[in-house]
Structure formats: structure tokens, C-alpha cells
Amino acid sequence: EAKEGVTIEKESRTFASISFQNYFRLYEKLSGMTGTAMTSSEEFFKVYKLEVVAVPTNRETKRLDSNDLIFQTEHGKFQAIARKVKELHEKGQPVLIGTVSIEKNEILSEHFKREGIPHKVLNAKNHENEGETIAQAGKLHSVVIATNMAGRGVDIKLGGNPTTKEEYEKIKELGGLFVLGTERHEARRIDNQLR
């Protein structure tokens, strides 16, 4: 109001508030669609009395899920991540690394700098080109470190965006996008979002 040079009104006060759960229950019909509902199906039923139905994929998924690796120290874990990412980067395979916080994001970035791995860091501090950075995460030699909030809802195309058939095939040959989670999140649903 001050910026626009109009009369400055008194500050508004909140007289009542409602939780999302109660707000949504005011609707007669309720439905939704997400890629991670199965992990919260119990909650959907308890809160909204909604059944969760899994819709099968059009084509068989090619994703390969590896088992977790456990490390004695965090420093050892970050060193191992840096070694693995360096190896993948040198052969050209794109890598997307998911971290749980900005702090871990920056610690990992320091390890990568020491190893001489060119990379992009995505978190709440540097979110200006977040969509573009995530969209290009499938490019040859690309390395992106991101917190769990970054770039959700953005398609990652193998070879970058826009891509050519040759770039796409090259990345596919190398094994596709390598997604690495640095640790488990409090909710399994967030781990699945990264997947």
C-alpha cells in the first residue's frame, strides 16, 4: 500500500482458522491424484474415508532400485558419494542427488568442489532458475544437488530439454539418469517423490 501510494489500512486480524483436513471435508465430493498416495493410503482412509487405487503404468517401468548403503560416519558417506558421482560424471551419465536440508546440500557441494566435479546446487537460497536447472538434469555430464522441495512437477528428459534423438539414446546407453538419495526422509512418501 505504501509502495503504491494509497491509504494505508489497519493490519487485518485473523478471527478463525481451519486445518486443511477439515477444510477439505466441507466438500461433498473429494478426490485427487498423486504418484505417492499408496504410502499414505492409511492416512487418506482415516482422515477422509478415501480409498487409494493404484493405476498401473502404461509401459513397464525401467527404474532399478538399489539397496541402501550404511556408513559409519557422515564424512565417509559424503566421500563415497563424491567418488561415485565423479566416476559417473566422467563417463557422462547425468546424476541427480537428493538431500534432506540446505545444510547437507552445501556440505556435499564442498566435497564436490574438492573433487573437481562441476555441479549445480538447488535449494531455497538459489531457486531462481530451479525449473530450468531440474529440466536440464538429464543432460550429458550433468550433476545436480537438490533439496526435496526443489523442482517438483518438472519433467526431466534424457538428453536435456529440448533434446535430440541422438542425445536421448546416448544417455539411455549410459544407464539413464542416476538418482541418489543421501539419506532417508522422515516420510517414506518424500523418498518416493525423489524416486
N, C-alpha and C. Protein backbone atom coordinates (compact mmCIF):
# COMPACT_ATOMS: atom_id res chain seq x y z
N GLU A 1 0.83 -1.20 0.00
CA GLU A 1 0.00 0.00 0.00
C GLU A 1 0.87 1.25 0.00
N ALA A 2 1.94 1.24 0.85
CA ALA A 2 2.85 2.38 0.91
C ALA A 2 3.56 2.56 -0.44
N LYS A 3 3.97 1.44 -1.02
CA LYS A 3 4.68 1.47 -2.30
C LYS A 3 3.79 2.06 -3.40
N GLU A 4 2.51 1.74 -3.37
CA GLU A 4 1.57 2.20 -4.41
C GLU A 4 1.02 3.59 -4.12
N GLY A 5 1.36 4.14 -2.93
CA GLY A 5 0.93 5.49 -2.59
C GLY A 5 -0.55 5.61 -2.27
N VAL A 6 -1.16 4.51 -1.80
CA VAL A 6 -2.58 4.57 -1.43
C VAL A 6 -2.69 4.62 0.09
N THR A 7 -3.89 4.84 0.60
CA THR A 7 -4.10 4.92 2.05
C THR A 7 -3.72 3.60 2.69
N ILE A 8 -2.94 3.73 3.75
CA ILE A 8 -2.51 2.50 4.45
C ILE A 8 -3.60 2.10 5.43
N GLU A 9 -4.15 0.92 5.20
CA GLU A 9 -5.24 0.40 6.05
C GLU A 9 -4.66 -0.22 7.32
N LYS A 10 -5.54 -0.43 8.31
CA LYS A 10 -5.12 -1.12 9.53
C LYS A 10 -4.79 -2.57 9.17
N GLU A 11 -3.88 -3.15 9.94
CA GLU A 11 -3.49 -4.54 9.70
C GLU A 11 -4.69 -5.45 9.93
N SER A 12 -4.88 -6.43 9.04
CA SER A 12 -6.02 -7.33 9.22
C SER A 12 -5.71 -8.35 10.31
N ARG A 13 -6.78 -8.81 10.98
CA ARG A 13 -6.59 -9.80 12.04
C ARG A 13 -7.33 -11.08 11.67
N THR A 14 -6.74 -12.20 12.03
CA THR A 14 -7.37 -13.50 11.76
C THR A 14 -8.31 -13.81 12.92
N PHE A 15 -9.59 -14.04 12.60
CA PHE A 15 -10.56 -14.36 13.65
C PHE A 15 -10.79 -15.86 13.77
N ALA A 16 -10.53 -16.58 12.70
CA ALA A 16 -10.74 -18.04 12.74
C ALA A 16 -9.81 -18.70 11.74
N SER A 17 -9.47 -19.94 12.01
CA SER A 17 -8.65 -20.70 11.06
C SER A 17 -9.17 -22.13 11.03
N ILE A 18 -8.79 -22.84 9.99
CA ILE A 18 -9.26 -24.22 9.82
C ILE A 18 -8.11 -25.05 9.25
N SER A 19 -8.02 -26.29 9.65
CA SER A 19 -6.97 -27.16 9.12
C SER A 19 -7.36 -27.60 7.70
N PHE A 20 -6.37 -27.98 6.89
CA PHE A 20 -6.65 -28.46 5.54
C PHE A 20 -7.59 -29.66 5.59
N GLN A 21 -7.34 -30.56 6.55
CA GLN A 21 -8.16 -31.77 6.65
C GLN A 21 -9.64 -31.41 6.83
N ASN A 22 -9.93 -30.48 7.76
CA ASN A 22 -11.32 -30.10 8.00
C ASN A 22 -11.89 -29.27 6.84
N TYR A 23 -11.05 -28.47 6.23
CA TYR A 23 -11.49 -27.66 5.09
C TYR A 23 -11.91 -28.56 3.93
N PHE A 24 -11.08 -29.55 3.62
CA PHE A 24 -11.40 -30.46 2.52
C PHE A 24 -12.67 -31.26 2.80
N ARG A 25 -12.92 -31.56 4.07
CA ARG A 25 -14.11 -32.36 4.41
C ARG A 25 -15.41 -31.59 4.23
N LEU A 26 -15.32 -30.27 4.00
CA LEU A 26 -16.52 -29.48 3.75
C LEU A 26 -17.09 -29.77 2.36
N TYR A 27 -16.27 -30.33 1.47
CA TYR A 27 -16.73 -30.64 0.11
C TYR A 27 -17.52 -31.94 0.10
N GLU A 28 -18.55 -31.97 -0.76
CA GLU A 28 -19.38 -33.17 -0.89
C GLU A 28 -18.60 -34.31 -1.52
N LYS A 29 -17.83 -33.98 -2.56
CA LYS A 29 -17.04 -35.00 -3.25
C LYS A 29 -15.57 -34.64 -3.13
N LEU A 30 -14.77 -35.64 -2.91
CA LEU A 30 -13.34 -35.42 -2.71
C LEU A 30 -12.55 -36.47 -3.48
N SER A 31 -11.60 -36.02 -4.26
CA SER A 31 -10.74 -36.98 -4.98
C SER A 31 -9.43 -36.29 -5.31
N GLY A 32 -8.45 -37.05 -5.70
CA GLY A 32 -7.16 -36.46 -6.05
C GLY A 32 -6.30 -37.49 -6.75
N MET A 33 -5.16 -37.04 -7.23
CA MET A 33 -4.26 -37.95 -7.93
C MET A 33 -2.82 -37.53 -7.65
N THR A 34 -2.00 -38.48 -7.29
CA THR A 34 -0.59 -38.21 -7.00
C THR A 34 0.20 -39.49 -7.20
N GLY A 35 1.47 -39.35 -7.43
CA GLY A 35 2.32 -40.52 -7.64
C GLY A 35 2.75 -41.19 -6.34
N THR A 36 2.40 -40.57 -5.19
CA THR A 36 2.90 -41.11 -3.91
C THR A 36 1.79 -41.38 -2.90
N ALA A 37 0.57 -41.63 -3.37
CA ALA A 37 -0.56 -41.82 -2.45
C ALA A 37 -0.54 -43.17 -1.74
N MET A 38 0.02 -44.20 -2.38
CA MET A 38 0.00 -45.54 -1.78
C MET A 38 0.66 -45.57 -0.41
N THR A 39 1.74 -44.81 -0.25
CA THR A 39 2.46 -44.82 1.04
C THR A 39 1.66 -44.14 2.14
N SER A 40 0.65 -43.32 1.75
CA SER A 40 -0.18 -42.63 2.75
C SER A 40 -1.62 -43.11 2.70
N SER A 41 -1.85 -44.29 2.12
CA SER A 41 -3.23 -44.78 1.94
C SER A 41 -3.98 -44.91 3.26
N GLU A 42 -3.30 -45.32 4.32
CA GLU A 42 -3.93 -45.48 5.64
C GLU A 42 -4.43 -44.12 6.14
N GLU A 43 -3.58 -43.09 5.98
CA GLU A 43 -3.93 -41.73 6.40
C GLU A 43 -5.12 -41.20 5.59
N PHE A 44 -5.12 -41.44 4.27
CA PHE A 44 -6.23 -40.99 3.43
C PHE A 44 -7.55 -41.61 3.89
N PHE A 45 -7.49 -42.87 4.31
CA PHE A 45 -8.71 -43.54 4.75
C PHE A 45 -9.15 -43.02 6.11
N LYS A 46 -8.20 -42.90 7.04
CA LYS A 46 -8.53 -42.42 8.39
C LYS A 46 -9.10 -41.00 8.37
N VAL A 47 -8.44 -40.11 7.63
CA VAL A 47 -8.81 -38.69 7.63
C VAL A 47 -10.02 -38.41 6.74
N TYR A 48 -10.02 -38.97 5.52
CA TYR A 48 -11.04 -38.59 4.54
C TYR A 48 -11.99 -39.72 4.16
N LYS A 49 -11.77 -40.91 4.67
CA LYS A 49 -12.55 -42.10 4.27
C LYS A 49 -12.42 -42.34 2.77
N LEU A 50 -11.22 -42.10 2.23
CA LEU A 50 -10.96 -42.28 0.80
C LEU A 50 -10.13 -43.53 0.57
N GLU A 51 -10.54 -44.32 -0.40
CA GLU A 51 -9.76 -45.49 -0.81
C GLU A 51 -8.67 -45.01 -1.78
N VAL A 52 -7.53 -45.66 -1.77
CA VAL A 52 -6.46 -45.33 -2.72
C VAL A 52 -6.33 -46.48 -3.71
N VAL A 53 -6.38 -46.13 -4.98
CA VAL A 53 -6.29 -47.13 -6.05
C VAL A 53 -5.04 -46.84 -6.87
N ALA A 54 -4.21 -47.87 -7.08
CA ALA A 54 -3.00 -47.69 -7.90
C ALA A 54 -3.34 -47.90 -9.37
N VAL A 55 -3.02 -46.92 -10.19
CA VAL A 55 -3.24 -47.03 -11.64
C VAL A 55 -1.94 -47.56 -12.24
N PRO A 56 -1.96 -48.71 -12.92
CA PRO A 56 -0.72 -49.25 -13.48
C PRO A 56 -0.14 -48.34 -14.56
N THR A 57 1.18 -48.38 -14.71
CA THR A 57 1.84 -47.56 -15.73
C THR A 57 1.50 -48.08 -17.12
N ASN A 58 1.53 -47.19 -18.10
CA ASN A 58 1.23 -47.55 -19.48
C ASN A 58 2.27 -48.56 -20.00
N ARG A 59 3.55 -48.25 -19.69
CA ARG A 59 4.64 -49.16 -20.06
C ARG A 59 5.35 -49.60 -18.80
N GLU A 60 5.99 -50.76 -18.88
CA GLU A 60 6.71 -51.29 -17.72
C GLU A 60 7.82 -50.31 -17.31
N THR A 61 7.95 -50.06 -16.01
CA THR A 61 8.97 -49.13 -15.53
C THR A 61 10.37 -49.74 -15.68
N LYS A 62 11.33 -48.89 -16.07
CA LYS A 62 12.71 -49.36 -16.28
C LYS A 62 13.60 -49.00 -15.09
N ARG A 63 13.00 -48.36 -14.08
CA ARG A 63 13.78 -47.92 -12.92
C ARG A 63 14.35 -49.12 -12.15
N LEU A 64 15.61 -49.02 -11.77
CA LEU A 64 16.24 -50.05 -10.95
C LEU A 64 16.50 -49.45 -9.58
N ASP A 65 15.90 -50.03 -8.54
CA ASP A 65 16.11 -49.52 -7.17
C ASP A 65 17.20 -50.35 -6.50
N SER A 66 18.23 -49.69 -6.02
CA SER A 66 19.31 -50.36 -5.30
C SER A 66 19.03 -50.30 -3.80
N ASN A 67 19.67 -51.20 -3.05
CA ASN A 67 19.52 -51.20 -1.60
C ASN A 67 20.28 -50.03 -0.99
N ASP A 68 19.91 -49.66 0.24
CA ASP A 68 20.61 -48.60 0.95
C ASP A 68 22.01 -49.06 1.32
N LEU A 69 22.93 -48.11 1.35
CA LEU A 69 24.28 -48.38 1.86
C LEU A 69 24.40 -47.62 3.18
N ILE A 70 24.92 -48.29 4.21
CA ILE A 70 25.05 -47.68 5.53
C ILE A 70 26.53 -47.38 5.79
N PHE A 71 26.80 -46.17 6.30
CA PHE A 71 28.18 -45.76 6.57
C PHE A 71 28.36 -45.48 8.05
N GLN A 72 29.60 -45.68 8.55
CA GLN A 72 29.87 -45.45 9.97
C GLN A 72 29.87 -43.96 10.31
N THR A 73 30.37 -43.15 9.37
CA THR A 73 30.41 -41.70 9.62
C THR A 73 29.79 -40.94 8.45
N GLU A 74 29.32 -39.74 8.75
CA GLU A 74 28.74 -38.90 7.69
C GLU A 74 29.82 -38.48 6.70
N HIS A 75 31.01 -38.20 7.23
CA HIS A 75 32.13 -37.79 6.38
C HIS A 75 32.46 -38.90 5.37
N GLY A 76 32.49 -40.14 5.85
CA GLY A 76 32.75 -41.29 4.99
C GLY A 76 31.69 -41.44 3.91
N LYS A 77 30.44 -41.18 4.30
CA LYS A 77 29.32 -41.26 3.35
C LYS A 77 29.49 -40.22 2.25
N PHE A 78 29.79 -38.97 2.64
CA PHE A 78 29.96 -37.90 1.65
C PHE A 78 31.14 -38.15 0.72
N GLN A 79 32.21 -38.74 1.27
CA GLN A 79 33.38 -39.09 0.43
C GLN A 79 32.99 -40.14 -0.60
N ALA A 80 32.24 -41.15 -0.14
CA ALA A 80 31.80 -42.23 -1.04
C ALA A 80 30.88 -41.69 -2.13
N ILE A 81 29.99 -40.76 -1.76
CA ILE A 81 29.08 -40.14 -2.74
C ILE A 81 29.89 -39.39 -3.78
N ALA A 82 30.86 -38.59 -3.30
CA ALA A 82 31.70 -37.80 -4.21
C ALA A 82 32.46 -38.70 -5.17
N ARG A 83 32.98 -39.83 -4.66
CA ARG A 83 33.72 -40.79 -5.53
C ARG A 83 32.81 -41.37 -6.60
N LYS A 84 31.61 -41.79 -6.17
CA LYS A 84 30.65 -42.40 -7.10
C LYS A 84 30.21 -41.40 -8.16
N VAL A 85 29.91 -40.16 -7.74
CA VAL A 85 29.44 -39.13 -8.66
C VAL A 85 30.56 -38.77 -9.64
N LYS A 86 31.80 -38.71 -9.17
CA LYS A 86 32.93 -38.38 -10.04
C LYS A 86 33.06 -39.44 -11.15
N GLU A 87 32.94 -40.70 -10.74
CA GLU A 87 33.02 -41.83 -11.69
C GLU A 87 31.91 -41.74 -12.74
N LEU A 88 30.67 -41.46 -12.30
CA LEU A 88 29.53 -41.34 -13.21
C LEU A 88 29.67 -40.13 -14.12
N HIS A 89 30.13 -39.01 -13.54
CA HIS A 89 30.29 -37.77 -14.29
C HIS A 89 31.32 -37.94 -15.41
N GLU A 90 32.42 -38.65 -15.10
CA GLU A 90 33.48 -38.85 -16.09
C GLU A 90 33.01 -39.67 -17.28
N LYS A 91 32.09 -40.63 -17.02
CA LYS A 91 31.57 -41.40 -18.17
C LYS A 91 30.41 -40.68 -18.86
N GLY A 92 29.93 -39.58 -18.25
CA GLY A 92 28.90 -38.75 -18.90
C GLY A 92 27.49 -38.94 -18.40
N GLN A 93 27.27 -39.95 -17.54
CA GLN A 93 25.91 -40.22 -17.05
C GLN A 93 25.42 -39.08 -16.15
N PRO A 94 24.22 -38.52 -16.42
CA PRO A 94 23.70 -37.45 -15.57
C PRO A 94 23.32 -37.96 -14.18
N VAL A 95 23.53 -37.11 -13.16
CA VAL A 95 23.27 -37.51 -11.78
C VAL A 95 22.42 -36.44 -11.08
N LEU A 96 21.37 -36.90 -10.37
CA LEU A 96 20.56 -36.03 -9.53
C LEU A 96 20.68 -36.53 -8.10
N ILE A 97 21.16 -35.67 -7.20
CA ILE A 97 21.36 -36.07 -5.80
C ILE A 97 20.34 -35.36 -4.94
N GLY A 98 19.61 -36.12 -4.13
CA GLY A 98 18.61 -35.55 -3.23
C GLY A 98 19.14 -35.49 -1.82
N THR A 99 19.04 -34.31 -1.20
CA THR A 99 19.47 -34.15 0.20
C THR A 99 18.27 -33.73 1.05
N VAL A 100 18.41 -33.85 2.38
CA VAL A 100 17.27 -33.54 3.25
C VAL A 100 17.24 -32.09 3.72
N SER A 101 18.36 -31.35 3.56
CA SER A 101 18.37 -29.96 4.05
C SER A 101 19.35 -29.12 3.24
N ILE A 102 19.22 -27.80 3.39
CA ILE A 102 20.14 -26.86 2.72
C ILE A 102 21.56 -27.09 3.24
N GLU A 103 21.67 -27.32 4.55
CA GLU A 103 22.99 -27.53 5.18
C GLU A 103 23.71 -28.72 4.54
N LYS A 104 23.01 -29.85 4.41
CA LYS A 104 23.61 -31.06 3.81
C LYS A 104 23.93 -30.82 2.34
N ASN A 105 23.06 -30.05 1.71
CA ASN A 105 23.23 -29.66 0.32
C ASN A 105 24.58 -28.97 0.12
N GLU A 106 24.88 -28.02 1.02
CA GLU A 106 26.10 -27.23 0.91
C GLU A 106 27.35 -28.01 1.32
N ILE A 107 27.22 -28.90 2.30
CA ILE A 107 28.35 -29.75 2.70
C ILE A 107 28.76 -30.63 1.53
N LEU A 108 27.76 -31.23 0.88
CA LEU A 108 28.02 -32.10 -0.27
C LEU A 108 28.65 -31.32 -1.41
N SER A 109 28.18 -30.09 -1.61
CA SER A 109 28.73 -29.23 -2.65
C SER A 109 30.23 -28.97 -2.41
N GLU A 110 30.61 -28.78 -1.15
CA GLU A 110 32.02 -28.57 -0.80
C GLU A 110 32.86 -29.80 -1.16
N HIS A 111 32.34 -30.98 -0.87
CA HIS A 111 33.03 -32.23 -1.22
C HIS A 111 33.23 -32.32 -2.73
N PHE A 112 32.19 -31.94 -3.49
CA PHE A 112 32.26 -31.99 -4.95
C PHE A 112 33.30 -31.01 -5.48
N LYS A 113 33.36 -29.81 -4.87
CA LYS A 113 34.35 -28.80 -5.30
C LYS A 113 35.75 -29.34 -5.09
N ARG A 114 35.97 -30.00 -3.94
CA ARG A 114 37.30 -30.57 -3.65
C ARG A 114 37.68 -31.65 -4.66
N GLU A 115 36.66 -32.38 -5.12
CA GLU A 115 36.89 -33.46 -6.11
C GLU A 115 36.94 -32.92 -7.54
N GLY A 116 36.62 -31.64 -7.69
CA GLY A 116 36.63 -31.02 -9.02
C GLY A 116 35.46 -31.45 -9.90
N ILE A 117 34.31 -31.71 -9.26
CA ILE A 117 33.11 -32.12 -10.01
C ILE A 117 32.25 -30.88 -10.27
N PRO A 118 32.10 -30.46 -11.54
CA PRO A 118 31.21 -29.32 -11.82
C PRO A 118 29.77 -29.72 -11.54
N HIS A 119 29.04 -28.87 -10.80
CA HIS A 119 27.68 -29.22 -10.41
C HIS A 119 26.84 -27.98 -10.17
N LYS A 120 25.52 -28.19 -10.08
CA LYS A 120 24.58 -27.12 -9.74
C LYS A 120 23.93 -27.47 -8.41
N VAL A 121 23.71 -26.45 -7.58
CA VAL A 121 23.08 -26.66 -6.28
C VAL A 121 21.71 -26.00 -6.27
N LEU A 122 20.70 -26.76 -5.86
CA LEU A 122 19.34 -26.22 -5.80
C LEU A 122 18.80 -26.31 -4.38
N ASN A 123 18.46 -25.16 -3.81
CA ASN A 123 17.78 -25.13 -2.52
C ASN A 123 17.02 -23.82 -2.40
N ALA A 124 16.46 -23.54 -1.24
CA ALA A 124 15.65 -22.33 -1.07
C ALA A 124 16.47 -21.05 -1.23
N LYS A 125 17.79 -21.15 -1.12
CA LYS A 125 18.64 -19.96 -1.24
C LYS A 125 18.83 -19.55 -2.70
N ASN A 126 18.85 -20.52 -3.61
CA ASN A 126 19.11 -20.19 -5.02
C ASN A 126 18.09 -20.88 -5.92
N HIS A 127 16.86 -20.41 -5.84
CA HIS A 127 15.75 -21.08 -6.52
C HIS A 127 15.31 -20.38 -7.80
N GLU A 128 16.00 -19.30 -8.20
CA GLU A 128 15.54 -18.50 -9.34
C GLU A 128 15.33 -19.34 -10.61
N ASN A 129 16.31 -20.17 -10.95
CA ASN A 129 16.22 -20.95 -12.19
C ASN A 129 15.95 -22.42 -11.90
N GLU A 130 15.24 -22.67 -10.81
CA GLU A 130 15.02 -24.04 -10.34
C GLU A 130 14.41 -24.96 -11.40
N GLY A 131 13.32 -24.51 -12.04
CA GLY A 131 12.65 -25.33 -13.05
C GLY A 131 13.57 -25.67 -14.20
N GLU A 132 14.30 -24.67 -14.69
CA GLU A 132 15.24 -24.85 -15.81
C GLU A 132 16.36 -25.80 -15.43
N THR A 133 16.91 -25.64 -14.21
CA THR A 133 18.02 -26.49 -13.74
C THR A 133 17.58 -27.94 -13.67
N ILE A 134 16.39 -28.19 -13.09
CA ILE A 134 15.88 -29.56 -12.98
C ILE A 134 15.57 -30.13 -14.37
N ALA A 135 15.00 -29.30 -15.24
CA ALA A 135 14.66 -29.76 -16.59
C ALA A 135 15.91 -30.20 -17.36
N GLN A 136 17.07 -29.59 -17.04
CA GLN A 136 18.32 -29.93 -17.73
C GLN A 136 19.13 -31.00 -16.99
N ALA A 137 18.57 -31.56 -15.90
CA ALA A 137 19.30 -32.55 -15.09
C ALA A 137 19.59 -33.85 -15.86
N GLY A 138 18.93 -34.06 -16.99
CA GLY A 138 19.15 -35.28 -17.77
C GLY A 138 20.20 -35.13 -18.86
N LYS A 139 20.90 -33.98 -18.89
CA LYS A 139 21.92 -33.74 -19.92
C LYS A 139 23.19 -34.53 -19.66
N LEU A 140 23.95 -34.76 -20.70
CA LEU A 140 25.24 -35.44 -20.60
C LEU A 140 26.14 -34.69 -19.61
N HIS A 141 26.79 -35.41 -18.69
CA HIS A 141 27.73 -34.87 -17.68
C HIS A 141 27.06 -33.98 -16.63
N SER A 142 25.72 -33.88 -16.60
CA SER A 142 25.05 -33.01 -15.64
C SER A 142 25.10 -33.59 -14.23
N VAL A 143 25.37 -32.72 -13.23
CA VAL A 143 25.32 -33.12 -11.81
C VAL A 143 24.52 -32.04 -11.07
N VAL A 144 23.41 -32.45 -10.45
CA VAL A 144 22.56 -31.51 -9.71
C VAL A 144 22.35 -32.03 -8.29
N ILE A 145 22.60 -31.15 -7.30
CA ILE A 145 22.31 -31.48 -5.90
C ILE A 145 21.07 -30.66 -5.53
N ALA A 146 20.02 -31.33 -5.04
CA ALA A 146 18.78 -30.62 -4.73
C ALA A 146 18.18 -31.05 -3.40
N THR A 147 17.50 -30.12 -2.73
CA THR A 147 16.73 -30.50 -1.54
C THR A 147 15.40 -31.08 -2.03
N ASN A 148 14.66 -31.72 -1.12
CA ASN A 148 13.43 -32.43 -1.54
C ASN A 148 12.35 -31.52 -2.11
N MET A 149 12.40 -30.21 -1.82
CA MET A 149 11.37 -29.30 -2.32
C MET A 149 11.64 -28.85 -3.76
N ALA A 150 12.89 -28.94 -4.18
CA ALA A 150 13.29 -28.31 -5.44
C ALA A 150 12.75 -29.03 -6.68
N GLY A 151 12.21 -28.24 -7.59
CA GLY A 151 11.87 -28.73 -8.92
C GLY A 151 10.77 -29.75 -9.02
N ARG A 152 9.92 -29.86 -8.00
CA ARG A 152 8.85 -30.86 -8.08
C ARG A 152 7.89 -30.48 -9.20
N GLY A 153 7.45 -31.48 -9.94
CA GLY A 153 6.50 -31.25 -11.02
C GLY A 153 7.15 -30.89 -12.34
N VAL A 154 8.49 -30.91 -12.38
CA VAL A 154 9.20 -30.58 -13.63
C VAL A 154 9.66 -31.89 -14.28
N ASP A 155 9.41 -32.03 -15.57
CA ASP A 155 9.86 -33.22 -16.29
C ASP A 155 11.35 -33.17 -16.54
N ILE A 156 12.03 -34.28 -16.28
CA ILE A 156 13.45 -34.39 -16.61
C ILE A 156 13.53 -35.29 -17.84
N LYS A 157 14.00 -34.73 -18.94
CA LYS A 157 14.10 -35.50 -20.18
C LYS A 157 15.55 -35.93 -20.37
N LEU A 158 15.75 -37.19 -20.73
CA LEU A 158 17.10 -37.67 -21.00
C LEU A 158 17.69 -36.91 -22.18
N GLY A 159 18.86 -36.34 -21.98
CA GLY A 159 19.50 -35.55 -23.03
C GLY A 159 19.25 -34.06 -22.87
N GLY A 160 18.42 -33.68 -21.88
CA GLY A 160 18.12 -32.26 -21.64
C GLY A 160 16.82 -31.85 -22.29
N ASN A 161 16.48 -30.59 -22.15
CA ASN A 161 15.22 -30.08 -22.70
C ASN A 161 15.47 -28.77 -23.43
N PRO A 162 15.31 -28.67 -24.75
CA PRO A 162 14.88 -29.73 -25.67
C PRO A 162 16.00 -30.74 -25.91
N THR A 163 15.62 -31.91 -26.37
CA THR A 163 16.60 -32.98 -26.62
C THR A 163 16.51 -33.48 -28.06
N THR A 164 17.57 -34.14 -28.49
CA THR A 164 17.54 -34.78 -29.81
C THR A 164 17.51 -36.29 -29.60
N LYS A 165 17.15 -37.02 -30.63
CA LYS A 165 17.09 -38.49 -30.56
C LYS A 165 18.47 -39.06 -30.19
N GLU A 166 19.54 -38.45 -30.76
CA GLU A 166 20.91 -38.94 -30.50
C GLU A 166 21.29 -38.74 -29.03
N GLU A 167 20.98 -37.53 -28.50
CA GLU A 167 21.30 -37.23 -27.09
C GLU A 167 20.54 -38.18 -26.17
N TYR A 168 19.25 -38.38 -26.48
CA TYR A 168 18.39 -39.26 -25.69
C TYR A 168 18.97 -40.67 -25.65
N GLU A 169 19.31 -41.20 -26.84
CA GLU A 169 19.84 -42.57 -26.94
C GLU A 169 21.18 -42.70 -26.21
N LYS A 170 22.02 -41.66 -26.30
CA LYS A 170 23.34 -41.66 -25.65
C LYS A 170 23.18 -41.80 -24.13
N ILE A 171 22.28 -40.99 -23.55
CA ILE A 171 22.04 -41.02 -22.10
C ILE A 171 21.44 -42.37 -21.70
N LYS A 172 20.54 -42.88 -22.53
CA LYS A 172 19.91 -44.19 -22.27
C LYS A 172 20.96 -45.30 -22.23
N GLU A 173 21.90 -45.22 -23.19
CA GLU A 173 23.01 -46.19 -23.27
C GLU A 173 23.86 -46.17 -22.00
N LEU A 174 24.06 -44.96 -21.46
CA LEU A 174 24.89 -44.79 -20.26
C LEU A 174 24.18 -45.26 -18.99
N GLY A 175 22.89 -45.56 -19.09
CA GLY A 175 22.14 -46.04 -17.93
C GLY A 175 21.05 -45.09 -17.47
N GLY A 176 20.82 -44.01 -18.22
CA GLY A 176 19.77 -43.05 -17.87
C GLY A 176 20.19 -42.12 -16.75
N LEU A 177 19.23 -41.46 -16.15
CA LEU A 177 19.50 -40.54 -15.04
C LEU A 177 19.77 -41.34 -13.78
N PHE A 178 20.90 -41.09 -13.12
CA PHE A 178 21.26 -41.76 -11.88
C PHE A 178 20.76 -40.89 -10.73
N VAL A 179 19.79 -41.39 -9.97
CA VAL A 179 19.23 -40.62 -8.86
C VAL A 179 19.77 -41.20 -7.55
N LEU A 180 20.36 -40.33 -6.73
CA LEU A 180 21.00 -40.78 -5.49
C LEU A 180 20.43 -40.01 -4.31
N GLY A 181 19.84 -40.72 -3.37
CA GLY A 181 19.34 -40.09 -2.14
C GLY A 181 20.41 -40.20 -1.07
N THR A 182 20.75 -39.10 -0.42
CA THR A 182 21.84 -39.13 0.56
C THR A 182 21.41 -39.72 1.90
N GLU A 183 20.12 -39.63 2.21
CA GLU A 183 19.60 -40.26 3.42
C GLU A 183 18.08 -40.37 3.32
N ARG A 184 17.51 -41.15 4.23
CA ARG A 184 16.06 -41.33 4.25
C ARG A 184 15.38 -40.12 4.86
N HIS A 185 14.21 -39.76 4.34
CA HIS A 185 13.44 -38.67 4.90
C HIS A 185 12.54 -39.20 6.01
N GLU A 186 11.94 -38.29 6.76
CA GLU A 186 11.04 -38.72 7.84
C GLU A 186 9.83 -39.46 7.28
N ALA A 187 9.37 -39.04 6.11
CA ALA A 187 8.21 -39.70 5.49
C ALA A 187 8.67 -40.50 4.26
N ARG A 188 8.23 -41.73 4.17
CA ARG A 188 8.57 -42.58 3.02
C ARG A 188 8.09 -41.96 1.73
N ARG A 189 6.98 -41.21 1.81
CA ARG A 189 6.39 -40.57 0.63
C ARG A 189 7.39 -39.63 -0.04
N ILE A 190 8.21 -38.93 0.76
CA ILE A 190 9.19 -37.99 0.20
C ILE A 190 10.31 -38.76 -0.51
N ASP A 191 10.71 -39.89 0.06
CA ASP A 191 11.70 -40.75 -0.61
C ASP A 191 11.16 -41.18 -1.97
N ASN A 192 9.87 -41.53 -2.01
CA ASN A 192 9.25 -41.96 -3.26
C ASN A 192 9.16 -40.82 -4.28
N GLN A 193 8.99 -39.59 -3.79
CA GLN A 193 8.96 -38.45 -4.71
C GLN A 193 10.29 -38.32 -5.43
N LEU A 194 11.38 -38.52 -4.69
CA LEU A 194 12.71 -38.46 -5.30
C LEU A 194 12.86 -39.59 -6.32
N ARG A 195 12.41 -40.77 -5.98
CA ARG A 195 12.44 -41.90 -6.90
C ARG A 195 11.70 -41.57 -8.17
